[in-house]
Amino acid sequence: MIQIDPKTLEILVCPITFGSLTYNAEAQELISNSAKLAYPIRNGCLLYTSDAADDSLRVDLGGRRIIKK
């Protein structure tokens, strides 16, 4: 499990809404509440492509998991 420096998390934004992201350490995802999307982190890399996304996740174009709340 990786740790994300809080200063780095302040810099990263959702590429769709430009809103802030929160880190879910258990799921290894960066979450955009404004876009209702989760960006997976695999092997220490943040994934933005559908090719690299986990097949078990519901993804849209770009590898983002749609969050249902």
Protein backbone atom coordinates (compact mmCIF):
# COMPACT_ATOMS: atom_id res chain seq x y z
CA MET A 1 0.00 0.00 0.00
CA ILE A 2 1.42 3.38 -0.94
CA GLN A 3 1.17 6.59 1.01
CA ILE A 4 0.50 9.92 -0.67
CA ASP A 5 2.14 13.02 0.70
CA PRO A 6 -0.56 15.53 1.77
CA LYS A 7 1.25 18.32 -0.14
CA THR A 8 1.11 16.24 -3.33
CA LEU A 9 -2.59 15.60 -2.79
CA GLU A 10 -3.16 19.37 -2.53
CA ILE A 11 -1.60 19.78 -6.00
CA LEU A 12 -3.47 16.97 -7.78
CA VAL A 13 -6.91 17.78 -9.18
CA CYS A 14 -9.60 15.90 -11.05
CA PRO A 15 -8.83 16.23 -14.78
CA ILE A 16 -12.54 16.64 -15.54
CA THR A 17 -13.82 19.06 -12.89
CA PHE A 18 -10.48 20.45 -11.65
CA GLY A 19 -11.84 19.81 -8.16
CA SER A 20 -9.91 18.34 -5.27
CA LEU A 21 -9.20 14.63 -4.87
CA THR A 22 -9.26 12.51 -1.73
CA TYR A 23 -7.15 9.41 -1.20
CA ASN A 24 -8.78 6.11 -0.28
CA ALA A 25 -5.83 4.05 0.99
CA GLU A 26 -7.83 0.84 1.38
CA ALA A 27 -9.10 0.88 -2.21
CA GLN A 28 -5.91 2.51 -3.58
CA GLU A 29 -7.87 5.19 -5.43
CA LEU A 30 -7.98 8.95 -5.74
CA ILE A 31 -11.60 10.03 -5.53
CA SER A 32 -13.24 13.02 -7.15
CA ASN A 33 -16.46 13.65 -5.26
CA SER A 34 -17.41 16.43 -7.68
CA ALA A 35 -17.20 14.09 -10.71
CA LYS A 36 -18.29 11.00 -8.76
CA LEU A 37 -15.26 9.13 -10.12
CA ALA A 38 -12.43 7.10 -8.62
CA TYR A 39 -9.02 6.94 -10.28
CA PRO A 40 -7.25 3.65 -9.46
CA ILE A 41 -3.63 3.42 -8.32
CA ARG A 42 -1.93 0.21 -9.45
CA ASN A 43 1.71 -0.66 -8.71
CA GLY A 44 2.24 2.90 -7.49
CA CYS A 45 0.96 4.51 -10.71
CA LEU A 46 -2.20 6.59 -11.05
CA LEU A 47 -4.19 5.19 -14.01
CA TYR A 48 -6.23 7.30 -16.38
CA THR A 49 -6.76 4.83 -19.25
CA SER A 50 -9.49 2.24 -19.68
CA ASP A 51 -6.89 -0.26 -20.98
CA ALA A 52 -5.11 -0.20 -17.62
CA ALA A 53 -8.26 -0.24 -15.49
CA ASP A 54 -9.24 -3.30 -13.48
CA ASP A 55 -11.80 -5.33 -15.45
CA SER A 56 -13.81 -5.91 -12.29
CA LEU A 57 -14.44 -2.18 -11.95
CA ARG A 58 -17.20 -0.39 -13.78
CA VAL A 59 -15.26 2.06 -15.91
CA ASP A 60 -16.07 4.79 -18.35
CA LEU A 61 -13.74 5.99 -21.09
CA GLY A 62 -10.48 6.85 -19.43
CA GLY A 63 -10.30 4.13 -16.80
CA ARG A 64 -12.28 5.95 -14.13
CA ARG A 65 -14.61 4.01 -11.86
CA ILE A 66 -18.02 5.61 -11.51
CA ILE A 67 -18.98 6.06 -7.86
CA LYS A 68 -22.61 5.31 -7.07
CA LYS A 69 -23.84 7.05 -3.93
